[in-house]
N, C-alpha and C. Protein backbone atom coordinates (compact mmCIF):
# COMPACT_ATOMS: atom_id res chain seq x y z
N UNK A 1 55.28 4.76 16.49
CA UNK A 1 55.45 4.92 15.06
C UNK A 1 55.02 3.62 14.38
N UNK A 2 54.18 3.75 13.39
CA UNK A 2 53.74 2.56 12.67
C UNK A 2 54.69 2.25 11.51
N UNK A 3 54.45 1.10 10.87
CA UNK A 3 55.35 0.64 9.81
C UNK A 3 55.39 1.59 8.62
N UNK A 4 54.24 2.16 8.29
CA UNK A 4 54.18 3.08 7.15
C UNK A 4 55.02 4.33 7.40
N UNK A 5 54.90 4.89 8.59
CA UNK A 5 55.68 6.08 8.93
C UNK A 5 57.17 5.74 8.95
N UNK A 6 57.51 4.58 9.50
CA UNK A 6 58.91 4.13 9.52
C UNK A 6 59.45 4.01 8.09
N UNK A 7 58.64 3.42 7.21
CA UNK A 7 59.06 3.24 5.81
C UNK A 7 59.31 4.58 5.14
N UNK A 8 58.42 5.54 5.35
CA UNK A 8 58.56 6.86 4.75
C UNK A 8 59.83 7.55 5.26
N UNK A 9 60.05 7.49 6.57
CA UNK A 9 61.23 8.14 7.16
C UNK A 9 62.52 7.50 6.67
N UNK A 10 62.55 6.17 6.62
CA UNK A 10 63.80 5.52 6.18
C UNK A 10 64.07 5.78 4.70
N UNK A 11 63.02 5.85 3.88
CA UNK A 11 63.22 6.19 2.47
C UNK A 11 63.78 7.61 2.34
N UNK A 12 63.26 8.51 3.16
CA UNK A 12 63.75 9.88 3.14
C UNK A 12 65.21 9.93 3.60
N UNK A 13 65.55 9.16 4.62
CA UNK A 13 66.94 9.09 5.09
C UNK A 13 67.86 8.59 3.98
N UNK A 14 67.46 7.52 3.31
CA UNK A 14 68.29 6.94 2.25
C UNK A 14 68.46 7.92 1.08
N UNK A 15 67.40 8.66 0.76
CA UNK A 15 67.49 9.66 -0.30
C UNK A 15 68.48 10.76 0.08
N UNK A 16 68.40 11.21 1.32
CA UNK A 16 69.32 12.26 1.78
C UNK A 16 70.76 11.75 1.82
N UNK A 17 70.95 10.51 2.23
CA UNK A 17 72.30 9.93 2.24
C UNK A 17 72.85 9.87 0.81
N UNK A 18 72.00 9.44 -0.11
CA UNK A 18 72.44 9.34 -1.51
C UNK A 18 72.85 10.70 -2.07
N UNK A 19 72.21 11.75 -1.59
CA UNK A 19 72.57 13.10 -2.06
C UNK A 19 73.57 13.77 -1.11
N UNK A 20 74.16 12.97 -0.22
CA UNK A 20 75.20 13.40 0.71
C UNK A 20 74.77 14.54 1.64
N UNK A 21 73.52 14.52 2.03
CA UNK A 21 72.99 15.48 2.99
C UNK A 21 72.91 14.78 4.35
N UNK A 22 74.08 14.52 4.91
CA UNK A 22 74.18 13.68 6.10
C UNK A 22 73.59 14.31 7.36
N UNK A 23 73.74 15.59 7.52
CA UNK A 23 73.21 16.25 8.72
C UNK A 23 71.69 16.17 8.73
N UNK A 24 71.06 16.44 7.59
CA UNK A 24 69.61 16.37 7.50
C UNK A 24 69.12 14.94 7.70
N UNK A 25 69.84 13.98 7.14
CA UNK A 25 69.47 12.57 7.29
C UNK A 25 69.55 12.16 8.76
N UNK A 26 70.57 12.62 9.46
CA UNK A 26 70.72 12.29 10.88
C UNK A 26 69.60 12.89 11.72
N UNK A 27 69.16 14.08 11.34
CA UNK A 27 68.04 14.70 12.07
C UNK A 27 66.78 13.85 11.96
N UNK A 28 66.55 13.30 10.79
CA UNK A 28 65.38 12.43 10.62
C UNK A 28 65.60 11.12 11.37
N UNK A 29 66.82 10.59 11.32
CA UNK A 29 67.12 9.34 12.03
C UNK A 29 66.91 9.48 13.53
N UNK A 30 67.12 10.67 14.04
CA UNK A 30 66.92 10.91 15.47
C UNK A 30 65.47 10.70 15.89
N UNK A 31 64.56 10.76 14.96
CA UNK A 31 63.13 10.62 15.27
C UNK A 31 62.68 9.17 15.43
N UNK A 32 63.54 8.24 15.05
CA UNK A 32 63.17 6.82 15.04
C UNK A 32 63.74 6.12 16.26
N UNK A 33 62.93 5.27 16.86
CA UNK A 33 63.40 4.43 17.97
C UNK A 33 64.04 3.18 17.36
N UNK A 34 65.36 3.20 17.25
CA UNK A 34 66.08 2.14 16.55
C UNK A 34 66.09 0.82 17.32
N UNK A 35 65.74 0.85 18.59
CA UNK A 35 65.68 -0.39 19.36
C UNK A 35 64.60 -1.33 18.84
N UNK A 36 63.62 -0.79 18.14
CA UNK A 36 62.51 -1.59 17.62
C UNK A 36 62.78 -2.12 16.21
N UNK A 37 63.86 -1.69 15.61
CA UNK A 37 64.19 -2.09 14.24
C UNK A 37 64.93 -3.42 14.27
N UNK A 38 64.48 -4.34 13.44
CA UNK A 38 65.07 -5.68 13.44
C UNK A 38 66.18 -5.85 12.40
N UNK A 39 66.17 -5.03 11.38
CA UNK A 39 67.11 -5.16 10.28
C UNK A 39 68.50 -4.68 10.70
N UNK A 40 69.44 -5.61 10.82
CA UNK A 40 70.79 -5.21 11.21
C UNK A 40 71.48 -4.41 10.12
N UNK A 41 71.12 -4.65 8.86
CA UNK A 41 71.74 -3.88 7.78
C UNK A 41 71.28 -2.42 7.82
N UNK A 42 70.02 -2.19 8.15
CA UNK A 42 69.54 -0.82 8.31
C UNK A 42 70.22 -0.16 9.50
N UNK A 43 70.39 -0.90 10.57
CA UNK A 43 71.07 -0.36 11.74
C UNK A 43 72.51 0.01 11.41
N UNK A 44 73.17 -0.80 10.60
CA UNK A 44 74.54 -0.48 10.20
C UNK A 44 74.58 0.80 9.36
N UNK A 45 73.62 0.96 8.46
CA UNK A 45 73.58 2.17 7.65
C UNK A 45 73.42 3.41 8.53
N UNK A 46 72.55 3.30 9.53
CA UNK A 46 72.32 4.44 10.42
C UNK A 46 73.56 4.70 11.28
N UNK A 47 74.21 3.65 11.72
CA UNK A 47 75.46 3.82 12.46
C UNK A 47 76.49 4.54 11.60
N UNK A 48 76.60 4.14 10.34
CA UNK A 48 77.52 4.81 9.41
C UNK A 48 77.14 6.27 9.22
N UNK A 49 75.84 6.54 9.18
CA UNK A 49 75.37 7.91 9.06
C UNK A 49 75.83 8.75 10.25
N UNK A 50 75.65 8.21 11.44
CA UNK A 50 76.09 8.93 12.63
C UNK A 50 77.61 9.10 12.64
N UNK A 51 78.34 8.08 12.17
CA UNK A 51 79.80 8.20 12.08
C UNK A 51 80.19 9.34 11.14
N UNK A 52 79.50 9.44 10.03
CA UNK A 52 79.84 10.50 9.07
C UNK A 52 79.57 11.88 9.65
N UNK A 53 78.71 11.95 10.65
CA UNK A 53 78.43 13.20 11.35
C UNK A 53 79.27 13.34 12.63
N UNK A 54 80.20 12.44 12.81
CA UNK A 54 81.08 12.42 13.98
C UNK A 54 80.30 12.32 15.30
N UNK A 55 79.20 11.62 15.25
CA UNK A 55 78.38 11.36 16.44
C UNK A 55 78.65 9.91 16.86
N UNK A 56 79.85 9.72 17.38
CA UNK A 56 80.35 8.37 17.62
C UNK A 56 79.59 7.63 18.72
N UNK A 57 79.15 8.31 19.73
CA UNK A 57 78.40 7.63 20.81
C UNK A 57 77.10 7.06 20.27
N UNK A 58 76.37 7.86 19.46
CA UNK A 58 75.13 7.38 18.87
C UNK A 58 75.41 6.24 17.88
N UNK A 59 76.48 6.38 17.10
CA UNK A 59 76.85 5.33 16.16
C UNK A 59 77.15 4.03 16.89
N UNK A 60 77.84 4.15 18.01
CA UNK A 60 78.17 2.96 18.80
C UNK A 60 76.90 2.31 19.35
N UNK A 61 76.00 3.11 19.85
CA UNK A 61 74.75 2.58 20.39
C UNK A 61 73.97 1.81 19.32
N UNK A 62 73.89 2.37 18.12
CA UNK A 62 73.18 1.72 17.02
C UNK A 62 73.92 0.46 16.57
N UNK A 63 75.25 0.53 16.51
CA UNK A 63 76.04 -0.63 16.08
C UNK A 63 75.89 -1.78 17.07
N UNK A 64 75.79 -1.46 18.35
CA UNK A 64 75.57 -2.51 19.35
C UNK A 64 74.20 -3.16 19.16
N UNK A 65 73.22 -2.39 18.74
CA UNK A 65 71.91 -2.98 18.42
C UNK A 65 72.04 -3.93 17.23
N UNK A 66 72.81 -3.51 16.23
CA UNK A 66 73.04 -4.37 15.07
C UNK A 66 73.75 -5.65 15.49
N UNK A 67 74.70 -5.54 16.40
CA UNK A 67 75.42 -6.71 16.90
C UNK A 67 74.46 -7.65 17.63
N UNK A 68 73.52 -7.11 18.38
CA UNK A 68 72.52 -7.94 19.05
C UNK A 68 71.69 -8.72 18.03
N UNK A 69 71.46 -8.13 16.86
CA UNK A 69 70.65 -8.79 15.83
C UNK A 69 71.46 -9.83 15.05
N UNK A 70 72.77 -9.58 14.92
CA UNK A 70 73.62 -10.48 14.14
C UNK A 70 75.05 -10.44 14.68
N UNK A 71 75.33 -11.26 15.67
CA UNK A 71 76.65 -11.27 16.30
C UNK A 71 77.70 -12.01 15.47
N UNK A 72 77.31 -12.60 14.36
CA UNK A 72 78.25 -13.33 13.52
C UNK A 72 78.78 -12.50 12.36
N UNK A 73 78.43 -11.23 12.31
CA UNK A 73 78.85 -10.38 11.21
C UNK A 73 80.23 -9.78 11.49
N UNK A 74 81.18 -10.10 10.61
CA UNK A 74 82.53 -9.54 10.75
C UNK A 74 82.52 -8.03 10.60
N UNK A 75 81.68 -7.52 9.69
CA UNK A 75 81.66 -6.07 9.47
C UNK A 75 81.15 -5.33 10.70
N UNK A 76 80.22 -5.91 11.41
CA UNK A 76 79.71 -5.28 12.63
C UNK A 76 80.80 -5.29 13.70
N UNK A 77 81.48 -6.40 13.86
CA UNK A 77 82.55 -6.51 14.86
C UNK A 77 83.68 -5.54 14.52
N UNK A 78 84.04 -5.45 13.25
CA UNK A 78 85.07 -4.50 12.81
C UNK A 78 84.65 -3.07 13.17
N UNK A 79 83.41 -2.75 12.83
CA UNK A 79 82.90 -1.41 13.09
C UNK A 79 82.86 -1.10 14.58
N UNK A 80 82.48 -2.07 15.39
CA UNK A 80 82.47 -1.87 16.84
C UNK A 80 83.87 -1.57 17.36
N UNK A 81 84.84 -2.29 16.85
CA UNK A 81 86.23 -2.04 17.27
C UNK A 81 86.63 -0.62 16.89
N UNK A 82 86.33 -0.21 15.68
CA UNK A 82 86.65 1.16 15.25
C UNK A 82 85.96 2.20 16.12
N UNK A 83 84.70 1.97 16.42
CA UNK A 83 83.95 2.95 17.21
C UNK A 83 84.47 3.04 18.64
N UNK A 84 84.83 1.91 19.21
CA UNK A 84 85.40 1.96 20.56
C UNK A 84 86.75 2.69 20.55
N UNK A 85 87.51 2.51 19.49
CA UNK A 85 88.76 3.26 19.37
C UNK A 85 88.47 4.75 19.23
N UNK A 86 87.46 5.07 18.45
CA UNK A 86 87.10 6.47 18.23
C UNK A 86 86.63 7.13 19.52
N UNK A 87 85.96 6.37 20.38
CA UNK A 87 85.48 6.94 21.64
C UNK A 87 86.52 6.82 22.75
N UNK A 88 87.66 6.21 22.44
CA UNK A 88 88.75 6.13 23.42
C UNK A 88 88.65 4.98 24.40
N UNK A 89 87.74 4.04 24.15
CA UNK A 89 87.58 2.88 25.03
C UNK A 89 88.48 1.75 24.53
N UNK A 90 89.73 1.80 24.93
CA UNK A 90 90.73 0.86 24.44
C UNK A 90 90.43 -0.58 24.87
N UNK A 91 89.96 -0.77 26.08
CA UNK A 91 89.68 -2.11 26.59
C UNK A 91 88.62 -2.80 25.72
N UNK A 92 87.51 -2.11 25.47
CA UNK A 92 86.45 -2.70 24.63
C UNK A 92 86.94 -2.89 23.20
N UNK A 93 87.72 -1.94 22.70
CA UNK A 93 88.25 -2.05 21.34
C UNK A 93 89.12 -3.31 21.21
N UNK A 94 89.96 -3.56 22.21
CA UNK A 94 90.82 -4.75 22.16
C UNK A 94 90.00 -6.04 22.24
N UNK A 95 88.90 -6.01 22.97
CA UNK A 95 88.03 -7.19 23.03
C UNK A 95 87.43 -7.49 21.66
N UNK A 96 86.95 -6.45 20.98
CA UNK A 96 86.37 -6.66 19.65
C UNK A 96 87.44 -6.96 18.61
N UNK A 97 88.65 -6.43 18.81
CA UNK A 97 89.76 -6.77 17.91
C UNK A 97 90.08 -8.26 18.03
N UNK A 98 90.12 -8.77 19.24
CA UNK A 98 90.39 -10.20 19.45
C UNK A 98 89.27 -11.04 18.82
N UNK A 99 88.05 -10.61 18.97
CA UNK A 99 86.91 -11.32 18.37
C UNK A 99 87.02 -11.29 16.85
N UNK A 100 87.37 -10.13 16.29
CA UNK A 100 87.52 -10.02 14.84
C UNK A 100 88.63 -10.95 14.33
N UNK A 101 89.73 -11.02 15.07
CA UNK A 101 90.83 -11.92 14.68
C UNK A 101 90.37 -13.38 14.65
N UNK A 102 89.53 -13.76 15.62
CA UNK A 102 89.01 -15.13 15.64
C UNK A 102 88.05 -15.38 14.49
N UNK A 103 87.25 -14.38 14.17
CA UNK A 103 86.25 -14.53 13.10
C UNK A 103 86.90 -14.50 11.72
N UNK A 104 87.95 -13.71 11.56
CA UNK A 104 88.58 -13.53 10.25
C UNK A 104 90.09 -13.57 10.39
N UNK A 105 90.64 -14.74 10.68
CA UNK A 105 92.09 -14.82 10.95
C UNK A 105 92.97 -14.42 9.76
N UNK A 106 92.47 -14.51 8.55
CA UNK A 106 93.28 -14.19 7.38
C UNK A 106 92.93 -12.84 6.75
N UNK A 107 92.09 -12.09 7.40
CA UNK A 107 91.67 -10.78 6.88
C UNK A 107 92.74 -9.74 7.20
N UNK A 108 93.25 -9.11 6.17
CA UNK A 108 94.32 -8.11 6.35
C UNK A 108 93.82 -6.85 7.06
N UNK A 109 92.52 -6.68 7.16
CA UNK A 109 91.97 -5.52 7.86
C UNK A 109 92.34 -5.52 9.34
N UNK A 110 92.75 -6.67 9.85
CA UNK A 110 93.23 -6.74 11.23
C UNK A 110 94.38 -5.76 11.44
N UNK A 111 95.24 -5.64 10.42
CA UNK A 111 96.38 -4.72 10.53
C UNK A 111 95.92 -3.27 10.69
N UNK A 112 94.85 -2.92 10.00
CA UNK A 112 94.33 -1.56 10.11
C UNK A 112 93.87 -1.29 11.54
N UNK A 113 93.13 -2.25 12.09
CA UNK A 113 92.66 -2.09 13.47
C UNK A 113 93.84 -2.04 14.44
N UNK A 114 94.82 -2.91 14.22
CA UNK A 114 95.99 -2.91 15.10
C UNK A 114 96.74 -1.59 15.01
N UNK A 115 96.83 -1.03 13.80
CA UNK A 115 97.50 0.25 13.64
C UNK A 115 96.75 1.35 14.39
N UNK A 116 95.45 1.32 14.32
CA UNK A 116 94.65 2.32 15.03
C UNK A 116 94.82 2.18 16.54
N UNK A 117 94.98 0.95 17.01
CA UNK A 117 95.27 0.72 18.43
C UNK A 117 96.61 1.35 18.79
N UNK A 118 97.62 1.11 17.94
CA UNK A 118 98.94 1.69 18.19
C UNK A 118 98.87 3.22 18.20
N UNK A 119 98.06 3.78 17.33
CA UNK A 119 97.88 5.23 17.30
C UNK A 119 97.29 5.72 18.62
N UNK A 120 96.28 5.03 19.10
CA UNK A 120 95.62 5.43 20.35
C UNK A 120 96.57 5.28 21.54
N UNK A 121 97.38 4.23 21.52
CA UNK A 121 98.33 3.99 22.60
C UNK A 121 99.56 4.88 22.49
N UNK A 122 99.68 5.60 21.38
CA UNK A 122 100.83 6.47 21.13
C UNK A 122 102.16 5.71 21.24
N UNK A 123 102.21 4.58 20.57
CA UNK A 123 103.43 3.77 20.58
C UNK A 123 104.48 4.38 19.65
N UNK A 124 105.65 3.80 19.65
CA UNK A 124 106.76 4.35 18.88
C UNK A 124 106.51 4.25 17.37
N UNK A 125 107.17 5.13 16.65
CA UNK A 125 107.06 5.11 15.19
C UNK A 125 107.60 3.80 14.63
N UNK A 126 108.63 3.25 15.26
CA UNK A 126 109.22 2.00 14.79
C UNK A 126 108.22 0.85 14.85
N UNK A 127 107.41 0.79 15.93
CA UNK A 127 106.39 -0.25 16.04
C UNK A 127 105.33 -0.09 14.96
N UNK A 128 104.95 1.14 14.70
CA UNK A 128 103.95 1.41 13.65
C UNK A 128 104.51 1.04 12.28
N UNK A 129 105.78 1.36 12.05
CA UNK A 129 106.42 1.03 10.77
C UNK A 129 106.46 -0.48 10.58
N UNK A 130 106.85 -1.18 11.62
CA UNK A 130 106.94 -2.64 11.53
C UNK A 130 105.59 -3.25 11.16
N UNK A 131 104.53 -2.78 11.78
CA UNK A 131 103.20 -3.28 11.50
C UNK A 131 102.79 -2.97 10.06
N UNK A 132 103.01 -1.73 9.63
CA UNK A 132 102.61 -1.34 8.27
C UNK A 132 103.44 -2.05 7.21
N UNK A 133 104.71 -2.31 7.50
CA UNK A 133 105.53 -3.06 6.54
C UNK A 133 104.94 -4.45 6.32
N UNK A 134 104.58 -5.10 7.40
CA UNK A 134 103.98 -6.43 7.30
C UNK A 134 102.65 -6.37 6.55
N UNK A 135 101.85 -5.37 6.88
CA UNK A 135 100.55 -5.20 6.23
C UNK A 135 100.73 -5.00 4.73
N UNK A 136 101.65 -4.13 4.34
CA UNK A 136 101.86 -3.85 2.92
C UNK A 136 102.40 -5.07 2.17
N UNK A 137 103.14 -5.93 2.85
CA UNK A 137 103.61 -7.17 2.22
C UNK A 137 102.44 -8.11 1.95
N UNK A 138 101.47 -8.14 2.87
CA UNK A 138 100.35 -9.08 2.73
C UNK A 138 99.23 -8.53 1.86
N UNK A 139 98.98 -7.23 1.95
CA UNK A 139 97.85 -6.64 1.23
C UNK A 139 98.20 -5.18 0.93
N UNK A 140 98.78 -4.95 -0.24
CA UNK A 140 99.23 -3.60 -0.58
C UNK A 140 98.03 -2.71 -0.86
N UNK A 141 97.95 -1.62 -0.11
CA UNK A 141 96.92 -0.61 -0.32
C UNK A 141 97.62 0.74 -0.31
N UNK A 142 97.35 1.53 -1.33
CA UNK A 142 98.07 2.79 -1.50
C UNK A 142 97.97 3.70 -0.28
N UNK A 143 96.79 3.79 0.28
CA UNK A 143 96.58 4.65 1.45
C UNK A 143 97.54 4.31 2.58
N UNK A 144 97.73 3.02 2.82
CA UNK A 144 98.58 2.58 3.93
C UNK A 144 100.04 2.60 3.53
N UNK A 145 100.34 2.42 2.26
CA UNK A 145 101.72 2.56 1.79
C UNK A 145 102.15 4.02 1.94
N UNK A 146 101.24 4.93 1.66
CA UNK A 146 101.54 6.35 1.86
C UNK A 146 101.80 6.63 3.34
N UNK A 147 100.99 6.05 4.21
CA UNK A 147 101.18 6.24 5.65
C UNK A 147 102.54 5.70 6.07
N UNK A 148 102.92 4.57 5.52
CA UNK A 148 104.24 4.00 5.80
C UNK A 148 105.35 4.94 5.34
N UNK A 149 105.21 5.49 4.14
CA UNK A 149 106.20 6.44 3.62
C UNK A 149 106.30 7.66 4.53
N UNK A 150 105.16 8.12 5.00
CA UNK A 150 105.14 9.28 5.91
C UNK A 150 105.87 8.96 7.21
N UNK A 151 105.68 7.76 7.73
CA UNK A 151 106.37 7.36 8.96
C UNK A 151 107.88 7.28 8.72
N UNK A 152 108.27 6.74 7.55
CA UNK A 152 109.70 6.72 7.21
C UNK A 152 110.25 8.14 7.22
N UNK A 153 109.51 9.05 6.62
CA UNK A 153 109.93 10.46 6.57
C UNK A 153 110.08 11.03 7.98
N UNK A 154 109.14 10.72 8.86
CA UNK A 154 109.16 11.27 10.21
C UNK A 154 110.38 10.81 11.02
N UNK A 155 110.86 9.59 10.75
CA UNK A 155 112.02 9.14 11.52
C UNK A 155 113.34 9.36 10.76
N UNK A 156 113.25 9.98 9.58
CA UNK A 156 114.46 10.36 8.87
C UNK A 156 114.99 9.32 7.90
N UNK A 157 114.19 8.35 7.52
CA UNK A 157 114.61 7.35 6.54
C UNK A 157 114.21 7.82 5.14
N UNK A 158 114.94 8.79 4.61
CA UNK A 158 114.59 9.41 3.34
C UNK A 158 114.57 8.40 2.20
N UNK A 159 115.57 7.51 2.16
CA UNK A 159 115.66 6.53 1.08
C UNK A 159 114.45 5.60 1.09
N UNK A 160 114.11 5.09 2.27
CA UNK A 160 112.95 4.21 2.37
C UNK A 160 111.67 4.95 2.03
N UNK A 161 111.59 6.21 2.42
CA UNK A 161 110.42 7.03 2.10
C UNK A 161 110.26 7.15 0.60
N UNK A 162 111.34 7.44 -0.10
CA UNK A 162 111.31 7.59 -1.55
C UNK A 162 110.95 6.27 -2.21
N UNK A 163 111.52 5.15 -1.73
CA UNK A 163 111.20 3.84 -2.28
C UNK A 163 109.73 3.51 -2.10
N UNK A 164 109.19 3.81 -0.93
CA UNK A 164 107.77 3.55 -0.67
C UNK A 164 106.88 4.40 -1.59
N UNK A 165 107.28 5.63 -1.80
CA UNK A 165 106.52 6.51 -2.70
C UNK A 165 106.59 6.04 -4.14
N UNK A 166 107.74 5.52 -4.54
CA UNK A 166 107.92 5.05 -5.91
C UNK A 166 107.03 3.83 -6.22
N UNK A 167 106.79 3.03 -5.18
CA UNK A 167 105.94 1.85 -5.40
C UNK A 167 104.54 2.30 -5.71
């Protein structure tokens, strides 16, 4: 594939993504040999495209190519951790989680990754609650506050559930 054909295909992919036609965009992306692409940002977009189509193995393969191009990117490391969790590879996910913690020690997104690890490990509701309480104290996000309220509800803490919902 020459540069002109690559440019045409990637423009078509981006147009389809913009119009939320993810399945069609992925079909076009399948035609490109992504190992030859140097742009890590383009590789990340394609990985996200595959993720939106729940094609996690392909997304992981593309994200690893992006990591080879730019191993200092926190967003790539975060995404790799998520993808390994999605594919059930807990060992690799924990390795990238540790790397993300070193790269971004003050980033509250670490809590999200840790919560997803707890979900995969099927740990107790109390451990999940403890983690989310700490997360919500450091970086309040409605989505995760709702998850915390839901966990309170599941273990029968109606008062705490109502308080979390009121916030």
